[in-house]
């Protein structure tokens, strides 16, 4: 039992005001245009994108550090691992989304690096 319920309220208030969270919500609005994606998936993808930028790493443990501080780090890491294992994201959908956001007008060339 939390003896100091105000701490949770203050934390929730801080997260609502955090620029990181505000940008995540903004990105989630853009992701809503993707057909067939549930709100949970959209919110998590937006959070992962900004976590990747913030942490500068693709390591799930590092990304998990930026997510919801109300749960254990290992639980957050497992959540990410399950999401990527079962998400079933279609690469075509992701490619269309990226092109819609970033493609310049006119002709352009896409270069992909599949280095493991």
N, C-alpha and C. Protein backbone atom coordinates (compact mmCIF):
# COMPACT_ATOMS: atom_id res chain seq x y z
N UNK A 1 0.85 -1.19 0.00
CA UNK A 1 0.00 0.00 0.00
C UNK A 1 0.88 1.24 0.00
N UNK A 2 0.54 2.18 -0.85
CA UNK A 2 1.30 3.42 -0.95
C UNK A 2 0.88 4.37 0.16
N UNK A 3 1.83 4.69 1.05
CA UNK A 3 1.51 5.60 2.16
C UNK A 3 1.39 7.03 1.68
N UNK A 4 1.94 7.31 0.52
CA UNK A 4 1.96 8.68 0.01
C UNK A 4 1.26 8.73 -1.35
N UNK A 5 -0.07 8.70 -1.39
CA UNK A 5 -0.77 8.68 -2.68
C UNK A 5 -0.50 9.93 -3.50
N UNK A 6 -0.15 11.02 -2.85
CA UNK A 6 0.13 12.25 -3.59
C UNK A 6 1.32 12.07 -4.53
N UNK A 7 2.25 11.19 -4.18
CA UNK A 7 3.42 10.96 -5.04
C UNK A 7 2.98 10.44 -6.40
N UNK A 8 2.02 9.53 -6.42
CA UNK A 8 1.51 9.01 -7.69
C UNK A 8 0.80 10.08 -8.49
N UNK A 9 0.06 10.94 -7.80
CA UNK A 9 -0.64 12.03 -8.47
C UNK A 9 0.35 13.00 -9.08
N UNK A 10 1.38 13.36 -8.32
CA UNK A 10 2.40 14.28 -8.84
C UNK A 10 3.14 13.67 -10.01
N UNK A 11 3.44 12.38 -9.92
CA UNK A 11 4.14 11.72 -11.02
C UNK A 11 3.26 11.73 -12.27
N UNK A 12 1.97 11.44 -12.12
CA UNK A 12 1.05 11.46 -13.26
C UNK A 12 0.97 12.86 -13.85
N UNK A 13 0.93 13.89 -12.99
CA UNK A 13 0.89 15.27 -13.47
C UNK A 13 2.17 15.60 -14.24
N UNK A 14 3.32 15.18 -13.71
CA UNK A 14 4.60 15.45 -14.38
C UNK A 14 4.62 14.78 -15.75
N UNK A 15 4.15 13.52 -15.83
CA UNK A 15 4.18 12.81 -17.10
C UNK A 15 3.27 13.48 -18.13
N UNK A 16 2.14 14.03 -17.68
CA UNK A 16 1.25 14.71 -18.61
C UNK A 16 1.90 15.98 -19.15
N UNK A 17 2.73 16.62 -18.35
CA UNK A 17 3.35 17.87 -18.75
C UNK A 17 4.70 17.67 -19.44
N UNK A 18 5.24 16.48 -19.38
CA UNK A 18 6.56 16.21 -19.93
C UNK A 18 6.57 16.42 -21.45
N UNK A 19 7.55 17.18 -21.97
CA UNK A 19 7.65 17.34 -23.43
C UNK A 19 7.80 16.00 -24.14
N UNK A 20 8.51 15.06 -23.51
CA UNK A 20 8.69 13.73 -24.10
C UNK A 20 7.35 13.07 -24.33
N UNK A 21 6.47 13.13 -23.33
CA UNK A 21 5.15 12.51 -23.44
C UNK A 21 4.28 13.28 -24.43
N UNK A 22 4.38 14.60 -24.44
CA UNK A 22 3.61 15.40 -25.38
C UNK A 22 3.98 15.06 -26.82
N UNK A 23 5.27 14.90 -27.09
CA UNK A 23 5.71 14.53 -28.44
C UNK A 23 5.25 13.12 -28.78
N UNK A 24 5.25 12.24 -27.80
CA UNK A 24 4.79 10.87 -28.03
C UNK A 24 3.32 10.88 -28.43
N UNK A 25 2.50 11.68 -27.75
CA UNK A 25 1.08 11.77 -28.10
C UNK A 25 0.90 12.36 -29.50
N UNK A 26 1.72 13.34 -29.85
CA UNK A 26 1.65 13.94 -31.18
C UNK A 26 1.96 12.91 -32.26
N UNK A 27 3.01 12.12 -32.04
CA UNK A 27 3.36 11.07 -33.00
C UNK A 27 2.25 10.02 -33.07
N UNK A 28 1.66 9.68 -31.95
CA UNK A 28 0.58 8.69 -31.92
C UNK A 28 -0.60 9.14 -32.78
N UNK A 29 -0.88 10.44 -32.80
CA UNK A 29 -1.96 10.96 -33.65
C UNK A 29 -1.67 10.68 -35.12
N UNK A 30 -0.41 10.85 -35.52
CA UNK A 30 -0.03 10.57 -36.91
C UNK A 30 -0.11 9.07 -37.22
N UNK A 31 0.23 8.25 -36.25
CA UNK A 31 0.20 6.81 -36.45
C UNK A 31 -1.22 6.26 -36.57
N UNK A 32 -2.21 7.00 -36.07
CA UNK A 32 -3.60 6.53 -36.12
C UNK A 32 -4.09 6.36 -37.54
N UNK A 33 -3.42 6.97 -38.50
CA UNK A 33 -3.83 6.84 -39.89
C UNK A 33 -3.50 5.46 -40.45
N UNK A 34 -2.72 4.69 -39.74
CA UNK A 34 -2.35 3.35 -40.20
C UNK A 34 -3.53 2.40 -39.99
N UNK A 35 -4.00 1.76 -41.05
CA UNK A 35 -5.19 0.91 -40.93
C UNK A 35 -4.93 -0.35 -40.11
N UNK A 36 -5.90 -0.70 -39.28
CA UNK A 36 -5.84 -1.95 -38.54
C UNK A 36 -4.97 -1.95 -37.31
N UNK A 37 -4.43 -0.81 -36.93
CA UNK A 37 -3.58 -0.76 -35.73
C UNK A 37 -4.43 -0.34 -34.54
N UNK A 38 -4.36 -1.10 -33.46
CA UNK A 38 -5.08 -0.78 -32.24
C UNK A 38 -4.37 0.34 -31.50
N UNK A 39 -5.12 1.04 -30.64
CA UNK A 39 -4.55 2.18 -29.91
C UNK A 39 -3.36 1.77 -29.06
N UNK A 40 -3.40 0.59 -28.45
CA UNK A 40 -2.27 0.11 -27.65
C UNK A 40 -1.01 0.04 -28.50
N UNK A 41 -1.14 -0.54 -29.69
CA UNK A 41 0.01 -0.67 -30.59
C UNK A 41 0.54 0.70 -31.01
N UNK A 42 -0.37 1.60 -31.33
CA UNK A 42 0.02 2.94 -31.75
C UNK A 42 0.77 3.66 -30.64
N UNK A 43 0.24 3.62 -29.43
CA UNK A 43 0.89 4.30 -28.30
C UNK A 43 2.26 3.71 -28.02
N UNK A 44 2.37 2.38 -28.08
CA UNK A 44 3.65 1.74 -27.78
C UNK A 44 4.68 2.04 -28.87
N UNK A 45 4.27 2.03 -30.13
CA UNK A 45 5.21 2.35 -31.21
C UNK A 45 5.72 3.77 -31.06
N UNK A 46 4.83 4.71 -30.77
CA UNK A 46 5.25 6.10 -30.58
C UNK A 46 6.23 6.21 -29.42
N UNK A 47 5.94 5.53 -28.33
CA UNK A 47 6.83 5.56 -27.17
C UNK A 47 8.18 4.94 -27.50
N UNK A 48 8.19 3.85 -28.24
CA UNK A 48 9.45 3.19 -28.60
C UNK A 48 10.28 4.09 -29.51
N UNK A 49 9.64 4.77 -30.46
CA UNK A 49 10.38 5.66 -31.37
C UNK A 49 11.09 6.75 -30.58
N UNK A 50 10.38 7.40 -29.67
CA UNK A 50 11.02 8.46 -28.89
C UNK A 50 12.03 7.90 -27.89
N UNK A 51 11.78 6.71 -27.40
CA UNK A 51 12.75 6.07 -26.50
C UNK A 51 14.04 5.75 -27.23
N UNK A 52 13.92 5.29 -28.48
CA UNK A 52 15.11 5.02 -29.30
C UNK A 52 15.94 6.29 -29.47
N UNK A 53 15.25 7.39 -29.73
CA UNK A 53 15.95 8.67 -29.91
C UNK A 53 16.59 9.11 -28.61
N UNK A 54 15.84 9.02 -27.52
CA UNK A 54 16.34 9.48 -26.22
C UNK A 54 17.53 8.65 -25.75
N UNK A 55 17.43 7.33 -25.88
CA UNK A 55 18.47 6.44 -25.35
C UNK A 55 19.61 6.23 -26.34
N UNK A 56 19.37 6.44 -27.63
CA UNK A 56 20.40 6.23 -28.63
C UNK A 56 20.82 4.77 -28.73
N UNK A 57 19.88 3.87 -28.49
CA UNK A 57 20.19 2.44 -28.47
C UNK A 57 18.94 1.65 -28.85
N UNK A 58 19.16 0.46 -29.42
CA UNK A 58 18.04 -0.43 -29.72
C UNK A 58 17.92 -1.52 -28.66
N UNK A 59 18.70 -1.43 -27.61
CA UNK A 59 18.68 -2.39 -26.52
C UNK A 59 17.35 -2.25 -25.76
N UNK A 60 16.59 -3.35 -25.66
CA UNK A 60 15.27 -3.28 -25.03
C UNK A 60 15.33 -2.86 -23.56
N UNK A 61 16.37 -3.25 -22.86
CA UNK A 61 16.50 -2.85 -21.45
C UNK A 61 16.67 -1.34 -21.34
N UNK A 62 17.42 -0.76 -22.25
CA UNK A 62 17.61 0.70 -22.22
C UNK A 62 16.33 1.42 -22.60
N UNK A 63 15.64 0.92 -23.62
CA UNK A 63 14.38 1.53 -24.03
C UNK A 63 13.36 1.44 -22.90
N UNK A 64 13.33 0.31 -22.21
CA UNK A 64 12.37 0.10 -21.12
C UNK A 64 12.56 1.10 -19.99
N UNK A 65 13.78 1.62 -19.83
CA UNK A 65 14.03 2.61 -18.77
C UNK A 65 13.23 3.88 -18.95
N UNK A 66 12.86 4.21 -20.18
CA UNK A 66 12.14 5.46 -20.44
C UNK A 66 10.63 5.29 -20.31
N UNK A 67 10.18 4.06 -20.13
CA UNK A 67 8.74 3.78 -20.11
C UNK A 67 8.22 3.70 -18.68
N UNK A 68 6.93 4.00 -18.50
CA UNK A 68 6.20 3.96 -17.25
C UNK A 68 6.96 3.54 -16.01
N UNK A 69 7.16 4.47 -15.12
CA UNK A 69 7.96 4.22 -13.94
C UNK A 69 7.19 3.52 -12.82
N UNK A 70 5.95 3.11 -13.09
CA UNK A 70 5.16 2.44 -12.07
C UNK A 70 5.35 0.93 -12.04
N UNK A 71 6.15 0.42 -12.97
CA UNK A 71 6.37 -1.03 -13.04
C UNK A 71 7.87 -1.32 -13.00
N UNK A 72 8.19 -2.58 -12.76
CA UNK A 72 9.59 -2.97 -12.70
C UNK A 72 10.22 -2.95 -14.09
N UNK A 73 11.50 -2.64 -14.13
CA UNK A 73 12.23 -2.55 -15.39
C UNK A 73 12.13 -3.86 -16.18
N UNK A 74 12.27 -4.98 -15.51
CA UNK A 74 12.22 -6.27 -16.20
C UNK A 74 10.84 -6.51 -16.81
N UNK A 75 9.78 -6.07 -16.14
CA UNK A 75 8.43 -6.21 -16.68
C UNK A 75 8.26 -5.39 -17.94
N UNK A 76 8.81 -4.18 -17.94
CA UNK A 76 8.72 -3.32 -19.12
C UNK A 76 9.51 -3.92 -20.28
N UNK A 77 10.67 -4.49 -19.99
CA UNK A 77 11.50 -5.11 -21.04
C UNK A 77 10.76 -6.31 -21.64
N UNK A 78 10.14 -7.12 -20.80
CA UNK A 78 9.39 -8.28 -21.29
C UNK A 78 8.19 -7.85 -22.13
N UNK A 79 7.56 -6.75 -21.73
CA UNK A 79 6.43 -6.23 -22.50
C UNK A 79 6.88 -5.86 -23.91
N UNK A 80 8.02 -5.20 -24.01
CA UNK A 80 8.56 -4.83 -25.32
C UNK A 80 8.91 -6.08 -26.14
N UNK A 81 9.52 -7.04 -25.48
CA UNK A 81 9.92 -8.27 -26.17
C UNK A 81 8.69 -8.99 -26.73
N UNK A 82 7.62 -9.09 -25.94
CA UNK A 82 6.39 -9.73 -26.40
C UNK A 82 5.76 -8.94 -27.55
N UNK A 83 5.79 -7.62 -27.42
CA UNK A 83 5.20 -6.78 -28.46
C UNK A 83 5.88 -7.03 -29.81
N UNK A 84 7.21 -7.03 -29.81
CA UNK A 84 7.91 -7.22 -31.07
C UNK A 84 7.80 -8.65 -31.59
N UNK A 85 7.64 -9.62 -30.70
CA UNK A 85 7.50 -11.01 -31.11
C UNK A 85 6.12 -11.27 -31.73
N UNK A 86 5.07 -10.62 -31.22
CA UNK A 86 3.71 -10.91 -31.65
C UNK A 86 3.02 -9.78 -32.39
N UNK A 87 3.69 -8.69 -32.64
CA UNK A 87 3.00 -7.52 -33.17
C UNK A 87 2.45 -7.75 -34.57
N UNK A 88 3.12 -8.55 -35.38
CA UNK A 88 2.63 -8.81 -36.72
C UNK A 88 2.55 -7.56 -37.58
N UNK A 89 3.44 -6.61 -37.35
CA UNK A 89 3.45 -5.40 -38.15
C UNK A 89 3.87 -5.75 -39.58
N UNK A 90 3.12 -5.30 -40.52
CA UNK A 90 3.44 -5.53 -41.92
C UNK A 90 4.47 -4.51 -42.37
N UNK A 91 5.53 -4.99 -42.98
CA UNK A 91 6.58 -4.09 -43.45
C UNK A 91 6.06 -3.13 -44.50
N UNK A 92 5.09 -3.56 -45.30
CA UNK A 92 4.50 -2.66 -46.30
C UNK A 92 3.81 -1.48 -45.63
N UNK A 93 3.09 -1.74 -44.53
CA UNK A 93 2.42 -0.65 -43.80
C UNK A 93 3.43 0.33 -43.23
N UNK A 94 4.50 -0.20 -42.67
CA UNK A 94 5.54 0.67 -42.10
C UNK A 94 6.20 1.49 -43.20
N UNK A 95 6.49 0.87 -44.33
CA UNK A 95 7.12 1.59 -45.45
C UNK A 95 6.21 2.71 -45.94
N UNK A 96 4.91 2.43 -46.10
CA UNK A 96 3.98 3.48 -46.54
C UNK A 96 3.94 4.64 -45.55
N UNK A 97 3.93 4.31 -44.27
CA UNK A 97 3.88 5.33 -43.24
C UNK A 97 5.12 6.23 -43.30
N UNK A 98 6.29 5.62 -43.42
CA UNK A 98 7.53 6.40 -43.49
C UNK A 98 7.55 7.26 -44.74
N UNK A 99 7.13 6.72 -45.87
CA UNK A 99 7.11 7.48 -47.11
C UNK A 99 6.14 8.65 -47.00
N UNK A 100 4.96 8.42 -46.41
CA UNK A 100 4.00 9.51 -46.24
C UNK A 100 4.57 10.65 -45.42
N UNK A 101 5.37 10.32 -44.41
CA UNK A 101 5.94 11.35 -43.54
C UNK A 101 7.12 12.06 -44.18
N UNK A 102 7.97 11.32 -44.87
CA UNK A 102 9.29 11.86 -45.18
C UNK A 102 9.61 12.00 -46.66
N UNK A 103 8.81 11.47 -47.55
CA UNK A 103 9.17 11.47 -48.96
C UNK A 103 9.15 12.88 -49.54
N UNK A 104 10.23 13.25 -50.22
CA UNK A 104 10.25 14.55 -50.89
C UNK A 104 9.38 14.50 -52.15
N UNK A 105 9.03 15.67 -52.65
CA UNK A 105 8.27 15.74 -53.89
C UNK A 105 9.15 15.29 -55.05
N UNK A 106 8.55 14.72 -56.07
CA UNK A 106 9.31 14.31 -57.25
C UNK A 106 9.93 12.93 -57.08
N UNK A 107 10.94 12.67 -57.89
CA UNK A 107 11.62 11.38 -57.86
C UNK A 107 12.57 11.28 -56.68
N UNK A 108 12.73 10.08 -56.13
CA UNK A 108 13.64 9.87 -55.02
C UNK A 108 14.08 8.42 -54.99
N UNK A 109 15.16 8.17 -54.29
CA UNK A 109 15.74 6.83 -54.19
C UNK A 109 15.78 6.44 -52.72
N UNK A 110 15.38 5.20 -52.43
CA UNK A 110 15.42 4.68 -51.07
C UNK A 110 16.59 3.72 -50.96
N UNK A 111 17.42 3.91 -49.95
CA UNK A 111 18.55 3.01 -49.68
C UNK A 111 18.31 2.36 -48.33
N UNK A 112 18.36 1.05 -48.27
CA UNK A 112 18.14 0.32 -47.03
C UNK A 112 19.41 -0.41 -46.63
N UNK A 113 19.68 -0.40 -45.34
CA UNK A 113 20.83 -1.13 -44.80
C UNK A 113 20.29 -2.23 -43.90
N UNK A 114 20.53 -3.46 -44.27
CA UNK A 114 20.04 -4.60 -43.49
C UNK A 114 21.18 -5.26 -42.73
N UNK A 115 22.13 -4.48 -42.28
CA UNK A 115 23.25 -5.01 -41.53
C UNK A 115 22.75 -5.62 -40.23
N UNK A 116 23.20 -6.81 -39.93
CA UNK A 116 22.80 -7.45 -38.67
C UNK A 116 23.79 -7.17 -37.59
